[in-house]
Amino acid sequence: MNRIRVLLIDDEVDFTAPLSKRLGKRGFAVRTVAGGQEALQALAEEEPEVVLLDMKMAGMDGIKTLSALKRSHPLVEVIMLTAHANTDIVISSLAMGAFDYLLKPVELEKLVLKIEDAAFQRKKNLRHGNSCDNRQE
């Protein structure tokens, strides 16, 4: 079985540790990092299929991280996580290429389905040679 590789980027260990463990039990290969710069280093080492990215982080926030991530890894699908639904930021992140967003605390079943959908979209894009910026209909 080919495990979906997930990179979880969030500076709240109280959130990432249990979520990582729960996703691991569901068969995902999860790596956690605490911030944007660390995430970019992790992406250089191994590209995941899906990134779970917190919007609010100290230092490099979620939007800046998303921008840098999409420039260097356009086919990685990103699911934004936020505790505060700010319509402008959500719309901005989707326009920058985020796959979707979910509100924290996130329901595990909903997150699992969203990760699987994002991984499927990435495979589809790879098969068709498309990047997020030039999808052809």
Protein backbone atom coordinates (compact mmCIF):
# COMPACT_ATOMS: atom_id res chain seq x y z
CA MET A 1 0.00 0.00 0.00
CA ASN A 2 1.32 3.40 -0.98
CA ARG A 3 0.99 5.70 2.04
CA ILE A 4 0.08 9.34 1.43
CA ARG A 5 2.90 11.57 2.68
CA VAL A 6 1.62 14.52 4.70
CA LEU A 7 3.59 17.48 6.01
CA LEU A 8 1.88 19.12 9.00
CA ILE A 9 3.04 22.71 9.58
CA ASP A 10 1.87 24.26 12.84
CA ASP A 11 3.62 25.87 15.80
CA GLU A 12 1.19 24.41 18.37
CA VAL A 13 2.67 21.11 19.60
CA ASP A 14 -0.52 20.45 21.59
CA PHE A 15 -2.31 20.33 18.22
CA THR A 16 0.29 18.63 16.02
CA ALA A 17 1.36 15.77 18.29
CA PRO A 18 -2.08 14.14 18.74
CA LEU A 19 -3.16 14.91 15.16
CA SER A 20 0.02 13.39 13.76
CA LYS A 21 -0.50 10.26 15.85
CA ARG A 22 -4.16 9.94 14.81
CA LEU A 23 -3.34 10.39 11.11
CA GLY A 24 -0.51 7.87 11.42
CA LYS A 25 -2.98 5.32 12.77
CA ARG A 26 -5.08 5.98 9.66
CA GLY A 27 -2.17 4.98 7.44
CA PHE A 28 -0.71 8.38 6.55
CA ALA A 29 3.04 9.03 6.68
CA VAL A 30 3.10 12.27 8.68
CA ARG A 31 6.01 14.61 9.30
CA THR A 32 5.52 17.65 11.52
CA VAL A 33 7.39 20.94 11.53
CA ALA A 34 6.84 24.03 13.65
CA GLY A 35 7.09 26.83 11.10
CA GLY A 36 7.47 28.09 7.56
CA GLN A 37 11.25 28.07 7.26
CA GLU A 38 11.46 24.56 8.70
CA ALA A 39 8.72 23.48 6.29
CA LEU A 40 10.65 24.73 3.25
CA GLN A 41 13.70 22.77 4.42
CA ALA A 42 11.57 19.64 4.90
CA LEU A 43 10.11 20.07 1.40
CA ALA A 44 13.60 20.24 -0.07
CA GLU A 45 14.39 16.88 1.56
CA GLU A 46 11.21 15.04 0.58
CA GLU A 47 8.13 16.33 -1.21
CA PRO A 48 4.85 15.23 0.38
CA GLU A 49 1.62 14.80 -1.56
CA VAL A 50 -0.30 17.00 0.86
CA VAL A 51 0.58 19.81 3.25
CA LEU A 52 -1.58 20.80 6.22
CA LEU A 53 -0.69 24.43 6.91
CA ASP A 54 -1.74 26.57 9.86
CA MET A 55 -2.61 30.17 8.95
CA LYS A 56 -1.41 31.76 12.19
CA MET A 57 2.19 31.01 13.13
CA ALA A 58 4.96 33.02 14.70
CA GLY A 59 7.57 34.25 12.24
CA MET A 60 6.61 33.17 8.74
CA ASP A 61 2.80 33.00 8.76
CA GLY A 62 0.67 30.61 6.71
CA ILE A 63 0.14 32.95 3.76
CA LYS A 64 3.87 33.66 3.36
CA THR A 65 4.63 29.97 3.73
CA LEU A 66 1.97 29.07 1.15
CA SER A 67 3.42 31.58 -1.31
CA ALA A 68 6.98 30.25 -0.94
CA LEU A 69 5.81 26.65 -1.00
CA LYS A 70 3.78 27.07 -4.20
CA ARG A 71 6.69 28.81 -5.95
CA SER A 72 9.06 25.94 -5.24
CA HIS A 73 6.60 23.00 -5.20
CA PRO A 74 3.55 23.94 -7.32
CA LEU A 75 2.09 20.42 -7.45
CA VAL A 76 1.96 19.90 -3.69
CA GLU A 77 -1.62 20.28 -2.53
CA VAL A 78 -2.09 22.49 0.52
CA ILE A 79 -4.97 22.38 2.97
CA MET A 80 -5.06 25.50 5.12
CA LEU A 81 -6.03 25.13 8.78
CA THR A 82 -7.34 28.05 10.77
CA ALA A 83 -9.02 28.66 14.09
CA HIS A 84 -10.40 31.98 12.83
CA ALA A 85 -12.48 32.11 9.67
CA ASN A 86 -11.33 35.30 7.95
CA THR A 87 -13.00 35.39 4.55
CA ASP A 88 -10.36 37.63 2.94
CA ILE A 89 -7.48 35.40 4.04
CA VAL A 90 -9.32 32.24 2.99
CA ILE A 91 -10.09 33.67 -0.45
CA SER A 92 -6.51 34.89 -0.79
CA SER A 93 -5.07 31.48 0.11
CA LEU A 94 -7.35 29.70 -2.37
CA ALA A 95 -6.37 32.19 -5.08
CA MET A 96 -2.70 31.44 -4.30
CA GLY A 97 -3.26 27.75 -5.01
CA ALA A 98 -4.39 26.22 -1.71
CA PHE A 99 -6.53 23.12 -2.30
CA ASP A 100 -8.99 23.98 0.47
CA TYR A 101 -9.24 25.13 4.08
CA LEU A 102 -10.66 23.66 7.27
CA LEU A 103 -11.55 25.21 10.60
CA LYS A 104 -9.80 24.11 13.79
CA PRO A 105 -10.56 22.08 15.74
CA VAL A 106 -10.87 19.85 12.70
CA GLU A 107 -13.03 16.74 12.66
CA LEU A 108 -10.71 13.80 11.91
CA GLU A 109 -12.99 12.08 9.38
CA LYS A 110 -13.45 15.30 7.44
CA LEU A 111 -9.68 15.90 7.44
CA VAL A 112 -8.93 12.34 6.27
CA LEU A 113 -11.33 12.71 3.34
CA LYS A 114 -9.88 16.12 2.45
CA ILE A 115 -6.31 14.73 2.49
CA GLU A 116 -7.36 11.83 0.25
CA ASP A 117 -9.10 14.25 -2.17
CA ALA A 118 -6.03 16.49 -2.28
CA ALA A 119 -3.70 13.53 -2.91
CA PHE A 120 -5.98 12.33 -5.71
CA GLN A 121 -5.94 15.83 -7.27
CA ARG A 122 -2.14 15.88 -7.13
CA LYS A 123 -1.93 12.49 -8.88
CA LYS A 124 -4.34 13.72 -11.52
CA ASN A 125 -2.27 16.86 -12.09
CA LEU A 126 0.96 14.85 -12.32
CA ARG A 127 -0.62 12.44 -14.82
CA HIS A 128 -1.74 15.29 -17.03
CA GLY A 129 1.46 17.31 -16.64
CA ASN A 130 -0.42 20.25 -15.18
CA SER A 131 0.69 22.56 -12.44
CA CYS A 132 -1.74 24.38 -10.18
CA ASP A 133 -1.12 27.55 -12.16
CA ASN A 134 -1.88 26.19 -15.62
CA ARG A 135 -4.62 23.60 -15.30
CA GLN A 136 -6.26 22.88 -18.60
CA GLU A 137 -9.95 22.14 -18.81
